Amino acid sequence: MLVREAVVLLALTVTFQLEVSWVVSSNYQTTDKETHPIYVRTKPYS
């Protein structure tokens, strides 16, 4: 049970960090926005 909770927490942390980096790159128009994996997957050439 404890191991499973740790895995879930780790997964949520990674997902949260990815979302934060996507939001930051979208808000501040960073030069590497086009190469961000989430941005490329969700909004290709938009």
N, C-alpha and C. Protein backbone atom coordinates (compact mmCIF):
# COMPACT_ATOMS: atom_id res chain seq x y z
N MET A 1 0.85 -1.20 0.00
CA MET A 1 0.00 0.00 0.00
C MET A 1 0.88 1.25 0.00
N LEU A 2 1.90 1.26 0.86
CA LEU A 2 2.76 2.44 0.95
C LEU A 2 3.54 2.65 -0.35
N VAL A 3 3.97 1.57 -0.96
CA VAL A 3 4.73 1.69 -2.21
C VAL A 3 3.84 2.26 -3.31
N ARG A 4 2.61 1.78 -3.36
CA ARG A 4 1.69 2.27 -4.39
C ARG A 4 1.41 3.76 -4.21
N GLU A 5 1.24 4.17 -2.97
CA GLU A 5 1.00 5.60 -2.72
C GLU A 5 2.19 6.44 -3.14
N ALA A 6 3.39 5.91 -2.91
CA ALA A 6 4.60 6.65 -3.29
C ALA A 6 4.67 6.79 -4.81
N VAL A 7 4.31 5.73 -5.53
CA VAL A 7 4.34 5.78 -7.00
C VAL A 7 3.32 6.79 -7.52
N VAL A 8 2.13 6.79 -6.93
CA VAL A 8 1.09 7.74 -7.34
C VAL A 8 1.54 9.17 -7.07
N LEU A 9 2.14 9.39 -5.92
CA LEU A 9 2.61 10.73 -5.58
C LEU A 9 3.69 11.18 -6.54
N LEU A 10 4.59 10.27 -6.90
CA LEU A 10 5.65 10.61 -7.84
C LEU A 10 5.07 10.96 -9.20
N ALA A 11 4.10 10.19 -9.64
CA ALA A 11 3.48 10.44 -10.94
C ALA A 11 2.78 11.80 -10.95
N LEU A 12 2.07 12.11 -9.87
CA LEU A 12 1.39 13.41 -9.79
C LEU A 12 2.38 14.55 -9.79
N THR A 13 3.51 14.36 -9.09
CA THR A 13 4.52 15.41 -9.03
C THR A 13 5.12 15.68 -10.41
N VAL A 14 5.43 14.61 -11.14
CA VAL A 14 6.00 14.77 -12.49
C VAL A 14 4.99 15.45 -13.41
N THR A 15 3.74 15.03 -13.34
CA THR A 15 2.70 15.63 -14.18
C THR A 15 2.53 17.10 -13.86
N PHE A 16 2.55 17.42 -12.55
CA PHE A 16 2.39 18.81 -12.13
C PHE A 16 3.53 19.67 -12.66
N GLN A 17 4.75 19.15 -12.59
CA GLN A 17 5.91 19.90 -13.06
C GLN A 17 5.83 20.12 -14.57
N LEU A 18 5.36 19.12 -15.30
CA LEU A 18 5.23 19.26 -16.75
C LEU A 18 4.18 20.32 -17.08
N GLU A 19 3.06 20.30 -16.35
CA GLU A 19 2.01 21.28 -16.62
C GLU A 19 2.50 22.69 -16.29
N VAL A 20 3.23 22.83 -15.19
CA VAL A 20 3.74 24.14 -14.81
C VAL A 20 4.70 24.66 -15.88
N SER A 21 5.59 23.79 -16.36
CA SER A 21 6.55 24.23 -17.37
C SER A 21 5.84 24.60 -18.67
N TRP A 22 4.74 23.90 -18.98
CA TRP A 22 3.98 24.23 -20.19
C TRP A 22 3.29 25.58 -20.03
N VAL A 23 2.71 25.82 -18.86
CA VAL A 23 2.03 27.10 -18.61
C VAL A 23 3.03 28.24 -18.65
N VAL A 24 4.19 28.05 -18.04
CA VAL A 24 5.21 29.10 -18.02
C VAL A 24 5.67 29.41 -19.44
N SER A 25 5.93 28.36 -20.22
CA SER A 25 6.42 28.58 -21.59
C SER A 25 5.34 29.23 -22.45
N SER A 26 4.08 28.94 -22.16
CA SER A 26 3.00 29.54 -22.94
C SER A 26 2.81 31.00 -22.56
N ASN A 27 2.90 31.29 -21.25
CA ASN A 27 2.66 32.66 -20.79
C ASN A 27 3.78 33.60 -21.18
N TYR A 28 5.01 33.14 -21.13
CA TYR A 28 6.14 34.03 -21.35
C TYR A 28 6.75 33.91 -22.74
N GLN A 29 6.13 33.06 -23.60
CA GLN A 29 6.58 32.96 -24.98
C GLN A 29 8.08 32.68 -25.08
N THR A 30 8.51 31.62 -24.41
CA THR A 30 9.93 31.28 -24.44
C THR A 30 10.32 30.77 -25.82
N THR A 31 11.59 30.84 -26.15
CA THR A 31 12.06 30.49 -27.48
C THR A 31 11.92 28.99 -27.75
N ASP A 32 11.89 28.17 -26.70
CA ASP A 32 11.81 26.73 -26.91
C ASP A 32 10.38 26.21 -26.75
N LYS A 33 9.39 27.11 -26.90
CA LYS A 33 8.00 26.67 -26.73
C LYS A 33 7.61 25.64 -27.78
N GLU A 34 8.06 25.85 -29.01
CA GLU A 34 7.68 24.94 -30.10
C GLU A 34 8.24 23.54 -29.89
N THR A 35 9.32 23.44 -29.13
CA THR A 35 9.93 22.12 -28.95
C THR A 35 9.45 21.44 -27.68
N HIS A 36 8.58 22.13 -26.90
CA HIS A 36 8.08 21.52 -25.68
C HIS A 36 7.17 20.35 -26.05
N PRO A 37 7.42 19.15 -25.49
CA PRO A 37 6.67 17.95 -25.89
C PRO A 37 5.16 18.09 -25.71
N ILE A 38 4.73 18.67 -24.59
CA ILE A 38 3.30 18.81 -24.37
C ILE A 38 2.71 19.80 -25.35
N TYR A 39 3.41 20.89 -25.59
CA TYR A 39 2.91 21.91 -26.52
C TYR A 39 2.81 21.33 -27.93
N VAL A 40 3.81 20.58 -28.34
CA VAL A 40 3.82 20.00 -29.68
C VAL A 40 2.68 18.99 -29.82
N ARG A 41 2.41 18.21 -28.75
CA ARG A 41 1.35 17.21 -28.81
C ARG A 41 -0.03 17.84 -28.83
N THR A 42 -0.21 18.90 -28.02
CA THR A 42 -1.57 19.43 -27.86
C THR A 42 -1.91 20.51 -28.87
N LYS A 43 -0.93 21.33 -29.27
CA LYS A 43 -1.23 22.43 -30.18
C LYS A 43 -0.18 22.51 -31.29
N PRO A 44 -0.23 21.59 -32.23
CA PRO A 44 0.77 21.61 -33.30
C PRO A 44 0.52 22.73 -34.31
N TYR A 45 1.52 23.59 -34.47
CA TYR A 45 1.48 24.64 -35.50
C TYR A 45 0.24 25.52 -35.43
N SER A 46 -0.19 25.85 -34.21
CA SER A 46 -1.39 26.68 -34.10
C SER A 46 -1.02 28.13 -33.85
